[in-house]
Amino acid sequence: METPTKEKIISELERHLRLDLFQVMGKQIFYSGRDGYGKEVLVCTPYSRLHAQGNGWIDLTTIQFAMLDKVHDSILAFRVEPNKVYYFHFRDLKPYMTKETMVYNKHEGDHWKIYVWPNYIQVLGNESIFRMRPNNLDDLKTH
């Protein structure tokens, strides 16, 4: 199954947001740029294959959380098979990510497991859902 590349997503975001984005040194899925007002914009582009139960999932580590939380305009672009991208602001997802919903394993350490369903996103351990439409840059409004 095909999934949009990071490069394609970044190119679309550059056109939509009218800014240049550059890969953050040492971070494979993070890109940074400045808007017309000189404010930093940070973009995170994780990928998930589609799992048998019909969803994808993204693990967001505490280090990634801190990077996104530090920048006022942080954007998540979840790339999920087949050919879907969910665009939204980190600040819209952050309230769902609590200390109680954090999980741990040896590979990622403390992190959040975020399920990506066809029309919504849900943080493991939180019953609330965050409604989303895939492939819709118009929902990504700058604040």
N, C-alpha and C. Protein backbone atom coordinates (compact mmCIF):
# COMPACT_ATOMS: atom_id res chain seq x y z
N MET A 1 0.84 -1.19 0.00
CA MET A 1 0.00 0.00 0.00
C MET A 1 0.88 1.24 0.00
N GLU A 2 0.41 2.25 -0.66
CA GLU A 2 1.18 3.47 -0.82
C GLU A 2 0.82 4.49 0.27
N THR A 3 1.84 5.21 0.72
CA THR A 3 1.66 6.28 1.69
C THR A 3 2.45 7.48 1.20
N PRO A 4 1.91 8.69 1.33
CA PRO A 4 2.65 9.87 0.89
C PRO A 4 4.00 9.98 1.59
N THR A 5 5.00 10.39 0.85
CA THR A 5 6.33 10.56 1.42
C THR A 5 6.38 11.83 2.27
N LYS A 6 7.36 11.87 3.16
CA LYS A 6 7.57 13.08 3.97
C LYS A 6 7.80 14.28 3.04
N GLU A 7 8.56 14.07 1.99
CA GLU A 7 8.89 15.16 1.07
C GLU A 7 7.65 15.72 0.40
N LYS A 8 6.73 14.85 0.00
CA LYS A 8 5.49 15.31 -0.63
C LYS A 8 4.65 16.11 0.38
N ILE A 9 4.57 15.62 1.60
CA ILE A 9 3.80 16.30 2.65
C ILE A 9 4.40 17.67 2.94
N ILE A 10 5.71 17.72 3.08
CA ILE A 10 6.38 18.99 3.38
C ILE A 10 6.17 19.98 2.24
N SER A 11 6.25 19.52 1.00
CA SER A 11 6.01 20.39 -0.15
C SER A 11 4.59 20.96 -0.12
N GLU A 12 3.60 20.11 0.18
CA GLU A 12 2.22 20.57 0.26
C GLU A 12 2.04 21.59 1.39
N LEU A 13 2.65 21.33 2.54
CA LEU A 13 2.55 22.25 3.67
C LEU A 13 3.24 23.58 3.37
N GLU A 14 4.37 23.53 2.68
CA GLU A 14 5.06 24.77 2.32
C GLU A 14 4.16 25.65 1.46
N ARG A 15 3.49 25.05 0.48
CA ARG A 15 2.57 25.81 -0.39
C ARG A 15 1.38 26.33 0.42
N HIS A 16 0.79 25.47 1.23
CA HIS A 16 -0.40 25.84 1.99
C HIS A 16 -0.11 26.93 3.04
N LEU A 17 1.01 26.80 3.73
CA LEU A 17 1.35 27.74 4.81
C LEU A 17 2.19 28.92 4.33
N ARG A 18 2.65 28.84 3.08
CA ARG A 18 3.48 29.88 2.47
C ARG A 18 4.76 30.13 3.27
N LEU A 19 5.52 29.05 3.46
CA LEU A 19 6.81 29.14 4.14
C LEU A 19 7.71 28.02 3.68
N ASP A 20 8.99 28.13 3.98
CA ASP A 20 9.96 27.09 3.66
C ASP A 20 10.21 26.26 4.91
N LEU A 21 10.23 24.94 4.74
CA LEU A 21 10.49 24.03 5.86
C LEU A 21 11.77 23.27 5.59
N PHE A 22 12.56 23.09 6.65
CA PHE A 22 13.84 22.38 6.55
C PHE A 22 13.88 21.30 7.62
N GLN A 23 14.49 20.17 7.27
CA GLN A 23 14.56 19.07 8.23
C GLN A 23 15.38 19.49 9.44
N VAL A 24 14.87 19.16 10.63
CA VAL A 24 15.58 19.45 11.88
C VAL A 24 16.75 18.47 11.98
N MET A 25 17.94 19.00 12.23
CA MET A 25 19.13 18.17 12.28
C MET A 25 18.98 17.04 13.29
N GLY A 26 19.23 15.82 12.83
CA GLY A 26 19.18 14.65 13.68
C GLY A 26 17.78 14.11 13.95
N LYS A 27 16.76 14.70 13.32
CA LYS A 27 15.38 14.27 13.55
C LYS A 27 14.75 13.92 12.20
N GLN A 28 14.48 12.66 11.98
CA GLN A 28 14.01 12.20 10.67
C GLN A 28 12.62 12.68 10.29
N ILE A 29 11.75 12.92 11.27
CA ILE A 29 10.36 13.25 10.94
C ILE A 29 9.99 14.68 11.33
N PHE A 30 10.97 15.51 11.71
CA PHE A 30 10.69 16.89 12.13
C PHE A 30 11.24 17.88 11.12
N TYR A 31 10.42 18.90 10.82
CA TYR A 31 10.79 19.98 9.91
C TYR A 31 10.43 21.30 10.57
N SER A 32 11.22 22.32 10.30
CA SER A 32 11.01 23.62 10.93
C SER A 32 11.12 24.73 9.90
N GLY A 33 10.40 25.82 10.17
CA GLY A 33 10.46 26.99 9.31
C GLY A 33 9.93 28.19 10.07
N ARG A 34 9.91 29.33 9.40
CA ARG A 34 9.39 30.57 10.00
C ARG A 34 8.26 31.10 9.14
N ASP A 35 7.19 31.54 9.82
CA ASP A 35 6.07 32.11 9.08
C ASP A 35 6.39 33.56 8.71
N GLY A 36 5.45 34.24 8.09
CA GLY A 36 5.65 35.62 7.65
C GLY A 36 5.88 36.60 8.78
N TYR A 37 5.58 36.21 10.01
CA TYR A 37 5.79 37.06 11.18
C TYR A 37 7.07 36.71 11.93
N GLY A 38 7.83 35.74 11.39
CA GLY A 38 9.08 35.33 12.02
C GLY A 38 8.91 34.30 13.12
N LYS A 39 7.69 33.79 13.32
CA LYS A 39 7.45 32.78 14.35
C LYS A 39 7.77 31.40 13.80
N GLU A 40 8.34 30.57 14.66
CA GLU A 40 8.70 29.22 14.25
C GLU A 40 7.47 28.35 14.07
N VAL A 41 7.51 27.52 13.04
CA VAL A 41 6.51 26.49 12.78
C VAL A 41 7.26 25.17 12.78
N LEU A 42 6.78 24.21 13.55
CA LEU A 42 7.41 22.89 13.63
C LEU A 42 6.42 21.86 13.11
N VAL A 43 6.90 20.97 12.24
CA VAL A 43 6.05 19.94 11.64
C VAL A 43 6.63 18.57 11.97
N CYS A 44 5.77 17.66 12.38
CA CYS A 44 6.14 16.28 12.68
C CYS A 44 5.36 15.37 11.74
N THR A 45 6.06 14.46 11.03
CA THR A 45 5.44 13.66 9.97
C THR A 45 5.56 12.15 10.18
N PRO A 46 5.06 11.60 11.30
CA PRO A 46 5.21 10.16 11.53
C PRO A 46 4.35 9.34 10.57
N TYR A 47 4.72 8.07 10.44
CA TYR A 47 4.08 7.15 9.51
C TYR A 47 3.55 5.93 10.27
N SER A 48 2.43 5.38 9.78
CA SER A 48 1.92 4.11 10.29
C SER A 48 1.34 3.30 9.16
N ARG A 49 1.61 2.02 9.20
CA ARG A 49 0.91 1.14 8.27
C ARG A 49 -0.49 0.92 8.82
N LEU A 50 -1.37 0.42 7.99
CA LEU A 50 -2.75 0.13 8.40
C LEU A 50 -2.74 -1.26 9.03
N HIS A 51 -3.26 -1.39 10.23
CA HIS A 51 -3.28 -2.66 10.95
C HIS A 51 -4.59 -3.39 10.71
N ALA A 52 -4.62 -4.68 11.01
CA ALA A 52 -5.76 -5.54 10.71
C ALA A 52 -7.07 -5.03 11.31
N GLN A 53 -7.00 -4.39 12.47
CA GLN A 53 -8.23 -3.90 13.10
C GLN A 53 -8.76 -2.63 12.44
N GLY A 54 -8.10 -2.13 11.39
CA GLY A 54 -8.62 -1.01 10.63
C GLY A 54 -8.08 0.35 11.01
N ASN A 55 -7.06 0.38 11.84
CA ASN A 55 -6.47 1.66 12.25
C ASN A 55 -4.96 1.62 12.07
N GLY A 56 -4.38 2.81 12.11
CA GLY A 56 -2.94 2.93 12.21
C GLY A 56 -2.62 3.37 13.63
N TRP A 57 -1.34 3.38 13.98
CA TRP A 57 -1.01 3.97 15.27
C TRP A 57 0.35 4.61 15.21
N ILE A 58 0.47 5.66 15.99
CA ILE A 58 1.68 6.46 16.07
C ILE A 58 2.11 6.47 17.53
N ASP A 59 3.39 6.26 17.77
CA ASP A 59 3.94 6.43 19.11
C ASP A 59 4.60 7.80 19.17
N LEU A 60 4.20 8.61 20.13
CA LEU A 60 4.78 9.94 20.32
C LEU A 60 5.51 9.93 21.66
N THR A 61 6.83 10.09 21.61
CA THR A 61 7.64 10.02 22.82
C THR A 61 7.59 11.32 23.62
N THR A 62 8.06 11.26 24.84
CA THR A 62 8.10 12.46 25.68
C THR A 62 9.05 13.50 25.08
N ILE A 63 10.11 13.06 24.42
CA ILE A 63 11.04 14.00 23.77
C ILE A 63 10.34 14.70 22.61
N GLN A 64 9.61 13.94 21.79
CA GLN A 64 8.86 14.54 20.68
C GLN A 64 7.77 15.47 21.21
N PHE A 65 7.08 15.05 22.27
CA PHE A 65 6.06 15.88 22.91
C PHE A 65 6.66 17.21 23.33
N ALA A 66 7.83 17.18 23.99
CA ALA A 66 8.48 18.40 24.47
C ALA A 66 8.86 19.31 23.30
N MET A 67 9.37 18.74 22.21
CA MET A 67 9.72 19.54 21.03
C MET A 67 8.49 20.24 20.48
N LEU A 68 7.39 19.51 20.34
CA LEU A 68 6.16 20.08 19.79
C LEU A 68 5.55 21.10 20.73
N ASP A 69 5.63 20.85 22.02
CA ASP A 69 5.03 21.74 23.02
C ASP A 69 5.78 23.05 23.15
N LYS A 70 7.06 23.05 22.81
CA LYS A 70 7.89 24.24 22.96
C LYS A 70 7.58 25.31 21.91
N VAL A 71 7.04 24.89 20.77
CA VAL A 71 6.79 25.80 19.65
C VAL A 71 5.29 26.09 19.58
N HIS A 72 4.93 27.36 19.50
CA HIS A 72 3.51 27.75 19.50
C HIS A 72 2.74 27.10 18.35
N ASP A 73 3.30 27.07 17.16
CA ASP A 73 2.59 26.54 16.00
C ASP A 73 3.22 25.22 15.56
N SER A 74 2.90 24.14 16.28
CA SER A 74 3.37 22.80 15.94
C SER A 74 2.27 22.06 15.20
N ILE A 75 2.65 21.45 14.10
CA ILE A 75 1.69 20.75 13.25
C ILE A 75 2.06 19.28 13.18
N LEU A 76 1.05 18.44 13.30
CA LEU A 76 1.24 17.00 13.10
C LEU A 76 0.65 16.63 11.75
N ALA A 77 1.37 15.81 11.02
CA ALA A 77 0.91 15.28 9.73
C ALA A 77 1.10 13.77 9.80
N PHE A 78 0.09 13.07 10.29
CA PHE A 78 0.16 11.62 10.43
C PHE A 78 -0.07 10.97 9.08
N ARG A 79 0.92 10.25 8.59
CA ARG A 79 0.84 9.55 7.31
C ARG A 79 0.43 8.10 7.59
N VAL A 80 -0.72 7.69 7.01
CA VAL A 80 -1.25 6.36 7.27
C VAL A 80 -1.65 5.71 5.95
N GLU A 81 -1.33 4.42 5.82
CA GLU A 81 -1.79 3.66 4.65
C GLU A 81 -3.31 3.68 4.62
N PRO A 82 -3.96 3.55 3.52
CA PRO A 82 -3.43 3.73 2.18
C PRO A 82 -3.60 5.18 1.74
N ASN A 83 -2.51 5.88 1.61
CA ASN A 83 -2.49 7.21 1.01
C ASN A 83 -3.32 8.26 1.76
N LYS A 84 -3.26 8.24 3.10
CA LYS A 84 -3.99 9.22 3.91
C LYS A 84 -3.02 10.02 4.76
N VAL A 85 -3.34 11.30 4.93
CA VAL A 85 -2.58 12.16 5.83
C VAL A 85 -3.58 12.93 6.68
N TYR A 86 -3.34 12.93 7.98
CA TYR A 86 -4.19 13.66 8.93
C TYR A 86 -3.40 14.86 9.42
N TYR A 87 -3.85 16.05 9.05
CA TYR A 87 -3.18 17.30 9.41
C TYR A 87 -3.91 17.97 10.58
N PHE A 88 -3.18 18.36 11.61
CA PHE A 88 -3.80 19.09 12.72
C PHE A 88 -2.72 19.72 13.59
N HIS A 89 -3.16 20.63 14.45
CA HIS A 89 -2.24 21.30 15.37
C HIS A 89 -2.02 20.44 16.60
N PHE A 90 -0.78 20.36 17.05
CA PHE A 90 -0.45 19.61 18.26
C PHE A 90 -1.28 20.08 19.45
N ARG A 91 -1.48 21.38 19.57
CA ARG A 91 -2.24 21.90 20.72
C ARG A 91 -3.66 21.35 20.77
N ASP A 92 -4.21 20.90 19.64
CA ASP A 92 -5.55 20.31 19.63
C ASP A 92 -5.55 18.88 20.18
N LEU A 93 -4.43 18.19 20.05
CA LEU A 93 -4.30 16.82 20.55
C LEU A 93 -3.77 16.77 21.98
N LYS A 94 -2.99 17.74 22.36
CA LYS A 94 -2.31 17.75 23.65
C LYS A 94 -3.22 17.46 24.85
N PRO A 95 -4.45 18.04 24.93
CA PRO A 95 -5.29 17.76 26.10
C PRO A 95 -5.64 16.28 26.29
N TYR A 96 -5.56 15.49 25.21
CA TYR A 96 -5.86 14.06 25.29
C TYR A 96 -4.67 13.25 25.81
N MET A 97 -3.51 13.88 25.83
CA MET A 97 -2.26 13.21 26.20
C MET A 97 -1.91 13.58 27.64
N THR A 98 -2.32 12.75 28.57
CA THR A 98 -2.09 13.01 29.99
C THR A 98 -1.06 12.02 30.54
N LYS A 99 -0.62 12.29 31.73
CA LYS A 99 0.32 11.38 32.39
C LYS A 99 -0.32 9.98 32.56
N GLU A 100 -1.63 9.97 32.79
CA GLU A 100 -2.34 8.70 32.98
C GLU A 100 -2.43 7.88 31.69
N THR A 101 -2.38 8.52 30.54
CA THR A 101 -2.49 7.79 29.27
C THR A 101 -1.12 7.42 28.70
N MET A 102 -0.06 7.76 29.40
CA MET A 102 1.29 7.44 28.96
C MET A 102 1.55 5.94 29.15
N VAL A 103 2.26 5.35 28.20
CA VAL A 103 2.66 3.95 28.31
C VAL A 103 4.18 3.88 28.26
N TYR A 104 4.74 2.71 28.60
CA TYR A 104 6.19 2.55 28.63
C TYR A 104 6.57 1.24 27.95
N ASN A 105 7.65 1.29 27.18
CA ASN A 105 8.32 0.08 26.74
C ASN A 105 9.81 0.39 26.63
N LYS A 106 10.62 -0.64 26.49
CA LYS A 106 12.08 -0.45 26.48
C LYS A 106 12.57 0.34 25.27
N HIS A 107 11.87 0.21 24.14
CA HIS A 107 12.34 0.88 22.92
C HIS A 107 12.09 2.39 22.94
N GLU A 108 10.84 2.81 23.21
CA GLU A 108 10.51 4.23 23.21
C GLU A 108 10.59 4.89 24.58
N GLY A 109 10.60 4.10 25.64
CA GLY A 109 10.51 4.67 26.98
C GLY A 109 9.08 5.13 27.22
N ASP A 110 8.90 6.20 27.99
CA ASP A 110 7.56 6.77 28.20
C ASP A 110 7.09 7.40 26.89
N HIS A 111 5.86 7.08 26.51
CA HIS A 111 5.30 7.63 25.27
C HIS A 111 3.78 7.48 25.28
N TRP A 112 3.15 8.05 24.27
CA TRP A 112 1.72 7.91 24.07
C TRP A 112 1.50 7.13 22.79
N LYS A 113 0.56 6.21 22.82
CA LYS A 113 0.16 5.46 21.63
C LYS A 113 -1.11 6.13 21.11
N ILE A 114 -1.04 6.60 19.88
CA ILE A 114 -2.14 7.35 19.28
C ILE A 114 -2.70 6.51 18.12
N TYR A 115 -3.95 6.11 18.28
CA TYR A 115 -4.63 5.34 17.24
C TYR A 115 -5.23 6.29 16.21
N VAL A 116 -5.03 5.97 14.95
CA VAL A 116 -5.56 6.78 13.84
C VAL A 116 -6.58 5.93 13.11
N TRP A 117 -7.86 6.25 13.32
CA TRP A 117 -8.97 5.57 12.67
C TRP A 117 -9.38 6.37 11.43
N PRO A 118 -10.23 5.84 10.57
CA PRO A 118 -10.58 6.56 9.34
C PRO A 118 -11.11 7.98 9.56
N ASN A 119 -11.87 8.24 10.63
CA ASN A 119 -12.48 9.55 10.82
C ASN A 119 -12.17 10.20 12.17
N TYR A 120 -11.30 9.59 12.94
CA TYR A 120 -10.94 10.18 14.22
C TYR A 120 -9.62 9.63 14.73
N ILE A 121 -9.11 10.32 15.75
CA ILE A 121 -7.86 9.94 16.41
C ILE A 121 -8.17 9.76 17.88
N GLN A 122 -7.52 8.76 18.50
CA GLN A 122 -7.76 8.50 19.91
C GLN A 122 -6.44 8.12 20.58
N VAL A 123 -6.18 8.73 21.72
CA VAL A 123 -5.00 8.40 22.50
C VAL A 123 -5.35 7.19 23.36
N LEU A 124 -4.54 6.14 23.31
CA LEU A 124 -4.76 4.94 24.12
C LEU A 124 -4.92 5.34 25.58
N GLY A 125 -5.97 4.83 26.23
CA GLY A 125 -6.22 5.14 27.62
C GLY A 125 -7.15 6.32 27.84
N ASN A 126 -7.52 7.01 26.77
CA ASN A 126 -8.44 8.14 26.86
C ASN A 126 -9.66 7.79 26.00
N GLU A 127 -10.83 7.76 26.60
CA GLU A 127 -12.04 7.38 25.86
C GLU A 127 -12.50 8.44 24.87
N SER A 128 -12.07 9.68 25.03
CA SER A 128 -12.46 10.76 24.13
C SER A 128 -11.81 10.57 22.77
N ILE A 129 -12.51 11.04 21.75
CA ILE A 129 -11.97 10.96 20.39
C ILE A 129 -11.83 12.37 19.82
N PHE A 130 -10.91 12.49 18.89
CA PHE A 130 -10.61 13.74 18.21
C PHE A 130 -10.99 13.52 16.74
N ARG A 131 -12.11 14.10 16.31
CA ARG A 131 -12.61 13.90 14.94
C ARG A 131 -11.68 14.53 13.92
N MET A 132 -11.43 13.80 12.84
CA MET A 132 -10.51 14.24 11.78
C MET A 132 -11.01 13.75 10.43
N ARG A 133 -10.63 14.48 9.40
CA ARG A 133 -10.84 14.04 8.02
C ARG A 133 -9.46 13.92 7.38
N PRO A 134 -9.19 12.83 6.70
CA PRO A 134 -7.88 12.71 6.06
C PRO A 134 -7.75 13.61 4.84
N ASN A 135 -6.49 13.95 4.52
CA ASN A 135 -6.14 14.66 3.30
C ASN A 135 -6.85 15.99 3.16
N ASN A 136 -7.00 16.72 4.27
CA ASN A 136 -7.72 17.98 4.23
C ASN A 136 -6.89 19.10 4.85
N LEU A 137 -6.11 19.76 4.03
CA LEU A 137 -5.30 20.89 4.51
C LEU A 137 -6.15 22.08 4.93
N ASP A 138 -7.37 22.18 4.41
CA ASP A 138 -8.24 23.31 4.77
C ASP A 138 -8.60 23.31 6.25
N ASP A 139 -8.59 22.13 6.89
CA ASP A 139 -8.85 22.05 8.32
C ASP A 139 -7.68 22.60 9.14
N LEU A 140 -6.54 22.76 8.52
CA LEU A 140 -5.33 23.22 9.20
C LEU A 140 -5.28 24.72 9.12
N LYS A 141 -5.92 25.35 10.07
CA LYS A 141 -5.93 26.81 10.12
C LYS A 141 -4.80 27.29 11.02
N THR A 142 -4.15 28.36 10.63
CA THR A 142 -3.10 28.91 11.46
C THR A 142 -3.73 29.79 12.52
N HIS A 143 -3.13 29.76 13.71
CA HIS A 143 -3.66 30.54 14.84
C HIS A 143 -2.69 31.65 15.18
